[in-house]
PDB file of N, CA and C in Angstrom:
ATOM      1  N   UNK A   1     -28.339  30.927 -40.790  1.00  0.00           N
ATOM      2  CA  UNK A   1     -27.048  30.575 -40.231  1.00  0.00           C
ATOM      3  C   UNK A   1     -26.105  31.767 -40.349  1.00  0.00           C
ATOM      4  N   UNK A   2     -25.378  32.030 -39.308  1.00  0.00           N
ATOM      5  CA  UNK A   2     -24.428  33.132 -39.313  1.00  0.00           C
ATOM      6  C   UNK A   2     -23.088  32.676 -39.882  1.00  0.00           C
ATOM      7  N   UNK A   3     -22.499  33.533 -40.688  1.00  0.00           N
ATOM      8  CA  UNK A   3     -21.163  33.247 -41.188  1.00  0.00           C
ATOM      9  C   UNK A   3     -20.151  33.818 -40.208  1.00  0.00           C
ATOM     10  N   UNK A   4     -19.016  33.185 -40.125  1.00  0.00           N
ATOM     11  CA  UNK A   4     -17.968  33.618 -39.203  1.00  0.00           C
ATOM     12  C   UNK A   4     -17.063  34.597 -39.942  1.00  0.00           C
ATOM     13  N   UNK A   5     -17.484  35.865 -39.974  1.00  0.00           N
ATOM     14  CA  UNK A   5     -16.704  36.908 -40.642  1.00  0.00           C
ATOM     15  C   UNK A   5     -16.697  38.160 -39.771  1.00  0.00           C
ATOM     16  N   UNK A   6     -15.766  39.031 -40.047  1.00  0.00           N
ATOM     17  CA  UNK A   6     -15.720  40.314 -39.335  1.00  0.00           C
ATOM     18  C   UNK A   6     -16.975  41.133 -39.617  1.00  0.00           C
ATOM     19  N   UNK A   7     -17.540  40.974 -40.818  1.00  0.00           N
ATOM     20  CA  UNK A   7     -18.755  41.699 -41.162  1.00  0.00           C
ATOM     21  C   UNK A   7     -19.919  41.302 -40.246  1.00  0.00           C
ATOM     22  N   UNK A   8     -20.045  40.022 -39.959  1.00  0.00           N
ATOM     23  CA  UNK A   8     -21.094  39.548 -39.050  1.00  0.00           C
ATOM     24  C   UNK A   8     -20.889  40.122 -37.656  1.00  0.00           C
ATOM     25  N   UNK A   9     -19.647  40.146 -37.191  1.00  0.00           N
ATOM     26  CA  UNK A   9     -19.344  40.726 -35.885  1.00  0.00           C
ATOM     27  C   UNK A   9     -19.715  42.206 -35.861  1.00  0.00           C
ATOM     28  N   UNK A  10     -19.395  42.929 -36.922  1.00  0.00           N
ATOM     29  CA  UNK A  10     -19.744  44.347 -37.007  1.00  0.00           C
ATOM     30  C   UNK A  10     -21.262  44.550 -37.010  1.00  0.00           C
ATOM     31  N   UNK A  11     -22.004  43.674 -37.704  1.00  0.00           N
ATOM     32  CA  UNK A  11     -23.464  43.774 -37.718  1.00  0.00           C
ATOM     33  C   UNK A  11     -24.036  43.581 -36.313  1.00  0.00           C
ATOM     34  N   UNK A  12     -23.490  42.636 -35.568  1.00  0.00           N
ATOM     35  CA  UNK A  12     -23.947  42.401 -34.201  1.00  0.00           C
ATOM     36  C   UNK A  12     -23.636  43.596 -33.304  1.00  0.00           C
ATOM     37  N   UNK A  13     -22.429  44.143 -33.433  1.00  0.00           N
ATOM     38  CA  UNK A  13     -22.040  45.318 -32.645  1.00  0.00           C
ATOM     39  C   UNK A  13     -22.936  46.507 -32.975  1.00  0.00           C
ATOM     40  N   UNK A  14     -23.204  46.728 -34.248  1.00  0.00           N
ATOM     41  CA  UNK A  14     -24.059  47.834 -34.684  1.00  0.00           C
ATOM     42  C   UNK A  14     -25.472  47.666 -34.144  1.00  0.00           C
ATOM     43  N   UNK A  15     -25.969  46.449 -34.152  1.00  0.00           N
ATOM     44  CA  UNK A  15     -27.290  46.158 -33.611  1.00  0.00           C
ATOM     45  C   UNK A  15     -27.362  46.547 -32.131  1.00  0.00           C
ATOM     46  N   UNK A  16     -26.349  46.175 -31.379  1.00  0.00           N
ATOM     47  CA  UNK A  16     -26.305  46.528 -29.957  1.00  0.00           C
ATOM     48  C   UNK A  16     -26.226  48.039 -29.759  1.00  0.00           C
ATOM     49  N   UNK A  17     -25.333  48.682 -30.492  1.00  0.00           N
ATOM     50  CA  UNK A  17     -25.151  50.134 -30.334  1.00  0.00           C
ATOM     51  C   UNK A  17     -26.415  50.903 -30.706  1.00  0.00           C
ATOM     52  N   UNK A  18     -27.099  50.478 -31.754  1.00  0.00           N
ATOM     53  CA  UNK A  18     -28.310  51.153 -32.207  1.00  0.00           C
ATOM     54  C   UNK A  18     -29.394  51.109 -31.134  1.00  0.00           C
ATOM     55  N   UNK A  19     -29.439  50.028 -30.372  1.00  0.00           N
ATOM     56  CA  UNK A  19     -30.461  49.896 -29.333  1.00  0.00           C
ATOM     57  C   UNK A  19     -30.001  50.425 -27.973  1.00  0.00           C
ATOM     58  N   UNK A  20     -28.880  51.144 -27.960  1.00  0.00           N
ATOM     59  CA  UNK A  20     -28.458  51.835 -26.749  1.00  0.00           C
ATOM     60  C   UNK A  20     -27.435  51.129 -25.889  1.00  0.00           C
ATOM     61  N   UNK A  21     -26.898  50.026 -26.352  1.00  0.00           N
ATOM     62  CA  UNK A  21     -25.884  49.308 -25.582  1.00  0.00           C
ATOM     63  C   UNK A  21     -24.493  49.790 -25.964  1.00  0.00           C
ATOM     64  N   UNK A  22     -23.620  49.891 -24.968  1.00  0.00           N
ATOM     65  CA  UNK A  22     -22.208  50.190 -25.233  1.00  0.00           C
ATOM     66  C   UNK A  22     -21.475  48.864 -25.355  1.00  0.00           C
ATOM     67  N   UNK A  23     -20.603  48.781 -26.328  1.00  0.00           N
ATOM     68  CA  UNK A  23     -19.830  47.559 -26.567  1.00  0.00           C
ATOM     69  C   UNK A  23     -18.373  47.861 -26.253  1.00  0.00           C
ATOM     70  N   UNK A  24     -17.800  47.064 -25.346  1.00  0.00           N
ATOM     71  CA  UNK A  24     -16.406  47.259 -24.958  1.00  0.00           C
ATOM     72  C   UNK A  24     -15.648  45.950 -25.082  1.00  0.00           C
ATOM     73  N   UNK A  25     -14.406  46.044 -25.525  1.00  0.00           N
ATOM     74  CA  UNK A  25     -13.515  44.890 -25.580  1.00  0.00           C
ATOM     75  C   UNK A  25     -12.511  45.047 -24.455  1.00  0.00           C
ATOM     76  N   UNK A  26     -12.476  44.063 -23.562  1.00  0.00           N
ATOM     77  CA  UNK A  26     -11.601  44.113 -22.387  1.00  0.00           C
ATOM     78  C   UNK A  26     -10.898  42.782 -22.212  1.00  0.00           C
ATOM     79  N   UNK A  27      -9.797  42.805 -21.479  1.00  0.00           N
ATOM     80  CA  UNK A  27      -9.135  41.554 -21.134  1.00  0.00           C
ATOM     81  C   UNK A  27      -9.581  41.145 -19.730  1.00  0.00           C
ATOM     82  N   UNK A  28      -9.485  39.875 -19.450  1.00  0.00           N
ATOM     83  CA  UNK A  28      -9.890  39.390 -18.137  1.00  0.00           C
ATOM     84  C   UNK A  28     -10.135  37.898 -18.156  1.00  0.00           C
ATOM     85  N   UNK A  29     -10.547  37.379 -17.026  1.00  0.00           N
ATOM     86  CA  UNK A  29     -10.835  35.955 -16.892  1.00  0.00           C
ATOM     87  C   UNK A  29     -12.303  35.700 -17.196  1.00  0.00           C
ATOM     88  N   UNK A  30     -12.652  35.786 -18.452  1.00  0.00           N
ATOM     89  CA  UNK A  30     -14.014  35.537 -18.890  1.00  0.00           C
ATOM     90  C   UNK A  30     -14.193  34.049 -19.115  1.00  0.00           C
ATOM     91  N   UNK A  31     -15.290  33.518 -18.663  1.00  0.00           N
ATOM     92  CA  UNK A  31     -15.635  32.136 -18.989  1.00  0.00           C
ATOM     93  C   UNK A  31     -16.300  32.085 -20.357  1.00  0.00           C
ATOM     94  N   UNK A  32     -16.956  33.187 -20.754  1.00  0.00           N
ATOM     95  CA  UNK A  32     -17.605  33.277 -22.058  1.00  0.00           C
ATOM     96  C   UNK A  32     -16.987  34.437 -22.820  1.00  0.00           C
ATOM     97  N   UNK A  33     -17.441  34.630 -24.030  1.00  0.00           N
ATOM     98  CA  UNK A  33     -16.898  35.687 -24.860  1.00  0.00           C
ATOM     99  C   UNK A  33     -17.503  37.056 -24.613  1.00  0.00           C
ATOM    100  N   UNK A  34     -18.704  37.115 -23.971  1.00  0.00           N
ATOM    101  CA  UNK A  34     -19.363  38.395 -23.739  1.00  0.00           C
ATOM    102  C   UNK A  34     -20.262  38.292 -22.524  1.00  0.00           C
ATOM    103  N   UNK A  35     -20.521  39.429 -21.898  1.00  0.00           N
ATOM    104  CA  UNK A  35     -21.434  39.449 -20.765  1.00  0.00           C
ATOM    105  C   UNK A  35     -22.102  40.814 -20.680  1.00  0.00           C
ATOM    106  N   UNK A  36     -23.239  40.845 -20.012  1.00  0.00           N
ATOM    107  CA  UNK A  36     -23.955  42.080 -19.761  1.00  0.00           C
ATOM    108  C   UNK A  36     -23.544  42.530 -18.373  1.00  0.00           C
ATOM    109  N   UNK A  37     -23.081  43.751 -18.253  1.00  0.00           N
ATOM    110  CA  UNK A  37     -22.504  44.224 -17.000  1.00  0.00           C
ATOM    111  C   UNK A  37     -23.590  44.716 -16.056  1.00  0.00           C
ATOM    112  N   UNK A  38     -23.901  43.938 -15.036  1.00  0.00           N
ATOM    113  CA  UNK A  38     -24.835  44.271 -13.961  1.00  0.00           C
ATOM    114  C   UNK A  38     -26.112  44.946 -14.440  1.00  0.00           C
ATOM    115  N   UNK A  39     -26.777  44.333 -15.385  1.00  0.00           N
ATOM    116  CA  UNK A  39     -28.035  44.838 -15.926  1.00  0.00           C
ATOM    117  C   UNK A  39     -27.949  46.259 -16.470  1.00  0.00           C
ATOM    118  N   UNK A  40     -26.760  46.769 -16.699  1.00  0.00           N
ATOM    119  CA  UNK A  40     -26.619  48.058 -17.364  1.00  0.00           C
ATOM    120  C   UNK A  40     -26.541  47.794 -18.859  1.00  0.00           C
ATOM    121  N   UNK A  41     -26.492  48.825 -19.633  1.00  0.00           N
ATOM    122  CA  UNK A  41     -26.453  48.652 -21.089  1.00  0.00           C
ATOM    123  C   UNK A  41     -25.010  48.661 -21.583  1.00  0.00           C
ATOM    124  N   UNK A  42     -24.180  47.882 -20.926  1.00  0.00           N
ATOM    125  CA  UNK A  42     -22.783  47.735 -21.337  1.00  0.00           C
ATOM    126  C   UNK A  42     -22.519  46.250 -21.577  1.00  0.00           C
ATOM    127  N   UNK A  43     -22.068  45.934 -22.777  1.00  0.00           N
ATOM    128  CA  UNK A  43     -21.702  44.566 -23.127  1.00  0.00           C
ATOM    129  C   UNK A  43     -20.182  44.512 -23.178  1.00  0.00           C
ATOM    130  N   UNK A  44     -19.603  43.620 -22.388  1.00  0.00           N
ATOM    131  CA  UNK A  44     -18.149  43.469 -22.342  1.00  0.00           C
ATOM    132  C   UNK A  44     -17.790  42.179 -23.068  1.00  0.00           C
ATOM    133  N   UNK A  45     -16.871  42.314 -24.009  1.00  0.00           N
ATOM    134  CA  UNK A  45     -16.451  41.188 -24.838  1.00  0.00           C
ATOM    135  C   UNK A  45     -14.981  40.909 -24.551  1.00  0.00           C
ATOM    136  N   UNK A  46     -14.659  39.638 -24.385  1.00  0.00           N
ATOM    137  CA  UNK A  46     -13.275  39.246 -24.150  1.00  0.00           C
ATOM    138  C   UNK A  46     -12.476  39.484 -25.426  1.00  0.00           C
ATOM    139  N   UNK A  47     -11.529  40.407 -25.363  1.00  0.00           N
ATOM    140  CA  UNK A  47     -10.788  40.772 -26.574  1.00  0.00           C
ATOM    141  C   UNK A  47      -9.831  39.680 -27.029  1.00  0.00           C
ATOM    142  N   UNK A  48      -9.562  38.702 -26.177  1.00  0.00           N
ATOM    143  CA  UNK A  48      -8.663  37.619 -26.558  1.00  0.00           C
ATOM    144  C   UNK A  48      -9.398  36.409 -27.131  1.00  0.00           C
ATOM    145  N   UNK A  49     -10.711  36.446 -27.152  1.00  0.00           N
ATOM    146  CA  UNK A  49     -11.486  35.349 -27.753  1.00  0.00           C
ATOM    147  C   UNK A  49     -11.320  35.386 -29.267  1.00  0.00           C
ATOM    148  N   UNK A  50     -11.490  34.243 -29.885  1.00  0.00           N
ATOM    149  CA  UNK A  50     -11.443  34.164 -31.339  1.00  0.00           C
ATOM    150  C   UNK A  50     -12.708  34.736 -31.949  1.00  0.00           C
ATOM    151  N   UNK A  51     -12.678  34.952 -33.238  1.00  0.00           N
ATOM    152  CA  UNK A  51     -13.814  35.536 -33.955  1.00  0.00           C
ATOM    153  C   UNK A  51     -15.077  34.695 -33.768  1.00  0.00           C
ATOM    154  N   UNK A  52     -14.958  33.392 -33.904  1.00  0.00           N
ATOM    155  CA  UNK A  52     -16.113  32.505 -33.763  1.00  0.00           C
ATOM    156  C   UNK A  52     -16.709  32.609 -32.358  1.00  0.00           C
ATOM    157  N   UNK A  53     -15.862  32.633 -31.333  1.00  0.00           N
ATOM    158  CA  UNK A  53     -16.338  32.738 -29.956  1.00  0.00           C
ATOM    159  C   UNK A  53     -17.042  34.063 -29.701  1.00  0.00           C
ATOM    160  N   UNK A  54     -16.499  35.141 -30.261  1.00  0.00           N
ATOM    161  CA  UNK A  54     -17.118  36.458 -30.087  1.00  0.00           C
ATOM    162  C   UNK A  54     -18.509  36.492 -30.721  1.00  0.00           C
ATOM    163  N   UNK A  55     -18.606  35.992 -31.954  1.00  0.00           N
ATOM    164  CA  UNK A  55     -19.886  36.002 -32.657  1.00  0.00           C
ATOM    165  C   UNK A  55     -20.904  35.134 -31.921  1.00  0.00           C
ATOM    166  N   UNK A  56     -20.505  33.956 -31.498  1.00  0.00           N
ATOM    167  CA  UNK A  56     -21.405  33.059 -30.780  1.00  0.00           C
ATOM    168  C   UNK A  56     -21.879  33.691 -29.472  1.00  0.00           C
ATOM    169  N   UNK A  57     -20.961  34.256 -28.701  1.00  0.00           N
ATOM    170  CA  UNK A  57     -21.318  34.843 -27.411  1.00  0.00           C
ATOM    171  C   UNK A  57     -22.234  36.055 -27.573  1.00  0.00           C
ATOM    172  N   UNK A  58     -21.910  36.931 -28.501  1.00  0.00           N
ATOM    173  CA  UNK A  58     -22.730  38.133 -28.701  1.00  0.00           C
ATOM    174  C   UNK A  58     -24.105  37.758 -29.235  1.00  0.00           C
ATOM    175  N   UNK A  59     -24.161  36.830 -30.171  1.00  0.00           N
ATOM    176  CA  UNK A  59     -25.459  36.453 -30.733  1.00  0.00           C
ATOM    177  C   UNK A  59     -26.343  35.785 -29.683  1.00  0.00           C
ATOM    178  N   UNK A  60     -25.770  34.966 -28.807  1.00  0.00           N
ATOM    179  CA  UNK A  60     -26.541  34.371 -27.721  1.00  0.00           C
ATOM    180  C   UNK A  60     -27.042  35.444 -26.755  1.00  0.00           C
ATOM    181  N   UNK A  61     -26.206  36.429 -26.482  1.00  0.00           N
ATOM    182  CA  UNK A  61     -26.603  37.530 -25.607  1.00  0.00           C
ATOM    183  C   UNK A  61     -27.711  38.360 -26.244  1.00  0.00           C
ATOM    184  N   UNK A  62     -27.577  38.655 -27.524  1.00  0.00           N
ATOM    185  CA  UNK A  62     -28.585  39.446 -28.241  1.00  0.00           C
ATOM    186  C   UNK A  62     -29.929  38.728 -28.225  1.00  0.00           C
ATOM    187  N   UNK A  63     -29.913  37.412 -28.350  1.00  0.00           N
ATOM    188  CA  UNK A  63     -31.162  36.641 -28.349  1.00  0.00           C
ATOM    189  C   UNK A  63     -31.914  36.763 -27.031  1.00  0.00           C
ATOM    190  N   UNK A  64     -31.221  37.019 -25.932  1.00  0.00           N
ATOM    191  CA  UNK A  64     -31.867  37.077 -24.624  1.00  0.00           C
ATOM    192  C   UNK A  64     -32.262  38.492 -24.207  1.00  0.00           C
ATOM    193  N   UNK A  65     -31.726  39.502 -24.869  1.00  0.00           N
ATOM    194  CA  UNK A  65     -31.998  40.886 -24.471  1.00  0.00           C
ATOM    195  C   UNK A  65     -33.344  41.372 -24.999  1.00  0.00           C
ATOM    196  N   UNK A  66     -33.983  42.219 -24.219  1.00  0.00           N
ATOM    197  CA  UNK A  66     -35.191  42.898 -24.683  1.00  0.00           C
ATOM    198  C   UNK A  66     -34.758  44.197 -25.341  1.00  0.00           C
ATOM    199  N   UNK A  67     -34.834  44.244 -26.653  1.00  0.00           N
ATOM    200  CA  UNK A  67     -34.380  45.416 -27.399  1.00  0.00           C
ATOM    201  C   UNK A  67     -35.581  46.173 -27.948  1.00  0.00           C
ATOM    202  N   UNK A  68     -35.444  47.487 -28.022  1.00  0.00           N
ATOM    203  CA  UNK A  68     -36.490  48.333 -28.592  1.00  0.00           C
ATOM    204  C   UNK A  68     -36.378  48.277 -30.112  1.00  0.00           C
ATOM    205  N   UNK A  69     -37.250  47.508 -30.731  1.00  0.00           N
ATOM    206  CA  UNK A  69     -37.196  47.282 -32.179  1.00  0.00           C
ATOM    207  C   UNK A  69     -37.471  48.563 -32.951  1.00  0.00           C
ATOM    208  N   UNK A  70     -38.174  49.508 -32.344  1.00  0.00           N
ATOM    209  CA  UNK A  70     -38.496  50.758 -33.044  1.00  0.00           C
ATOM    210  C   UNK A  70     -37.244  51.589 -33.353  1.00  0.00           C
ATOM    211  N   UNK A  71     -36.136  51.303 -32.680  1.00  0.00           N
ATOM    212  CA  UNK A  71     -34.887  52.023 -32.935  1.00  0.00           C
ATOM    213  C   UNK A  71     -34.128  51.477 -34.145  1.00  0.00           C
ATOM    214  N   UNK A  72     -34.537  50.324 -34.629  1.00  0.00           N
ATOM    215  CA  UNK A  72     -33.812  49.640 -35.704  1.00  0.00           C
ATOM    216  C   UNK A  72     -34.393  49.975 -37.068  1.00  0.00           C
ATOM    217  N   UNK A  73     -33.525  49.968 -38.085  1.00  0.00           N
ATOM    218  CA  UNK A  73     -34.032  50.096 -39.452  1.00  0.00           C
ATOM    219  C   UNK A  73     -34.517  48.714 -39.920  1.00  0.00           C
ATOM    220  N   UNK A  74     -35.029  48.647 -41.131  1.00  0.00           N
ATOM    221  CA  UNK A  74     -35.624  47.393 -41.614  1.00  0.00           C
ATOM    222  C   UNK A  74     -34.627  46.234 -41.648  1.00  0.00           C
ATOM    223  N   UNK A  75     -33.416  46.500 -42.122  1.00  0.00           N
ATOM    224  CA  UNK A  75     -32.413  45.435 -42.231  1.00  0.00           C
ATOM    225  C   UNK A  75     -32.000  44.934 -40.854  1.00  0.00           C
ATOM    226  N   UNK A  76     -31.815  45.864 -39.909  1.00  0.00           N
ATOM    227  CA  UNK A  76     -31.427  45.463 -38.560  1.00  0.00           C
ATOM    228  C   UNK A  76     -32.548  44.683 -37.878  1.00  0.00           C
ATOM    229  N   UNK A  77     -33.792  45.114 -38.073  1.00  0.00           N
ATOM    230  CA  UNK A  77     -34.931  44.402 -37.479  1.00  0.00           C
ATOM    231  C   UNK A  77     -35.036  42.993 -38.058  1.00  0.00           C
ATOM    232  N   UNK A  78     -34.802  42.846 -39.361  1.00  0.00           N
ATOM    233  CA  UNK A  78     -34.839  41.525 -39.996  1.00  0.00           C
ATOM    234  C   UNK A  78     -33.703  40.649 -39.469  1.00  0.00           C
ATOM    235  N   UNK A  79     -32.527  41.239 -39.288  1.00  0.00           N
ATOM    236  CA  UNK A  79     -31.377  40.501 -38.759  1.00  0.00           C
ATOM    237  C   UNK A  79     -31.670  40.028 -37.330  1.00  0.00           C
ATOM    238  N   UNK A  80     -32.233  40.909 -36.501  1.00  0.00           N
ATOM    239  CA  UNK A  80     -32.581  40.535 -35.131  1.00  0.00           C
ATOM    240  C   UNK A  80     -33.630  39.427 -35.117  1.00  0.00           C
ATOM    241  N   UNK A  81     -34.622  39.545 -35.978  1.00  0.00           N
ATOM    242  CA  UNK A  81     -35.652  38.516 -36.074  1.00  0.00           C
ATOM    243  C   UNK A  81     -35.045  37.176 -36.487  1.00  0.00           C
ATOM    244  N   UNK A  82     -34.116  37.218 -37.419  1.00  0.00           N
ATOM    245  CA  UNK A  82     -33.420  35.997 -37.862  1.00  0.00           C
ATOM    246  C   UNK A  82     -32.635  35.388 -36.702  1.00  0.00           C
ATOM    247  N   UNK A  83     -31.960  36.222 -35.927  1.00  0.00           N
ATOM    248  CA  UNK A  83     -31.181  35.732 -34.782  1.00  0.00           C
ATOM    249  C   UNK A  83     -32.073  35.051 -33.756  1.00  0.00           C
ATOM    250  N   UNK A  84     -33.201  35.653 -33.477  1.00  0.00           N
ATOM    251  CA  UNK A  84     -34.084  35.128 -32.437  1.00  0.00           C
ATOM    252  C   UNK A  84     -34.781  33.836 -32.864  1.00  0.00           C
ATOM    253  N   UNK A  85     -34.886  33.599 -34.166  1.00  0.00           N
ATOM    254  CA  UNK A  85     -35.559  32.399 -34.646  1.00  0.00           C
ATOM    255  C   UNK A  85     -34.605  31.253 -34.953  1.00  0.00           C
ATOM    256  N   UNK A  86     -33.317  31.533 -34.975  1.00  0.00           N
ATOM    257  CA  UNK A  86     -32.339  30.532 -35.381  1.00  0.00           C
ATOM    258  C   UNK A  86     -31.651  29.925 -34.167  1.00  0.00           C
ATOM    259  N   UNK A  87     -31.542  28.615 -34.164  1.00  0.00           N
ATOM    260  CA  UNK A  87     -30.742  27.948 -33.141  1.00  0.00           C
ATOM    261  C   UNK A  87     -29.314  27.923 -33.659  1.00  0.00           C
ATOM    262  N   UNK A  88     -28.402  28.503 -32.888  1.00  0.00           N
ATOM    263  CA  UNK A  88     -27.032  28.649 -33.367  1.00  0.00           C
ATOM    264  C   UNK A  88     -26.229  27.372 -33.147  1.00  0.00           C
ATOM    265  N   UNK A  89     -25.549  26.967 -34.200  1.00  0.00           N
ATOM    266  CA  UNK A  89     -24.671  25.822 -34.139  1.00  0.00           C
ATOM    267  C   UNK A  89     -23.412  26.139 -34.929  1.00  0.00           C
ATOM    268  N   UNK A  90     -22.282  26.057 -34.268  1.00  0.00           N
ATOM    269  CA  UNK A  90     -21.011  26.310 -34.936  1.00  0.00           C
ATOM    270  C   UNK A  90     -20.148  25.085 -34.862  1.00  0.00           C
TER     271      UNK A  90
END
């Protein structure tokens, strides 16, 4: 289970950046807290969303992405594995 903390958000952002994704916080009419921009490696996060919404949206996005696990260290790979095996409920 993920805790709703800034540290968890930072871990998710670091996971994305390590695998080559750019993370941007933007304002706009987002229906969700994050999206993948036209199959490019840019993740856009609604900067006005709450912490819980950001973590939920990014973690759901991370679960669907094909990431190169060889780029991750042991802790990041374990975190990604935990994310992919856990059904998120907040």
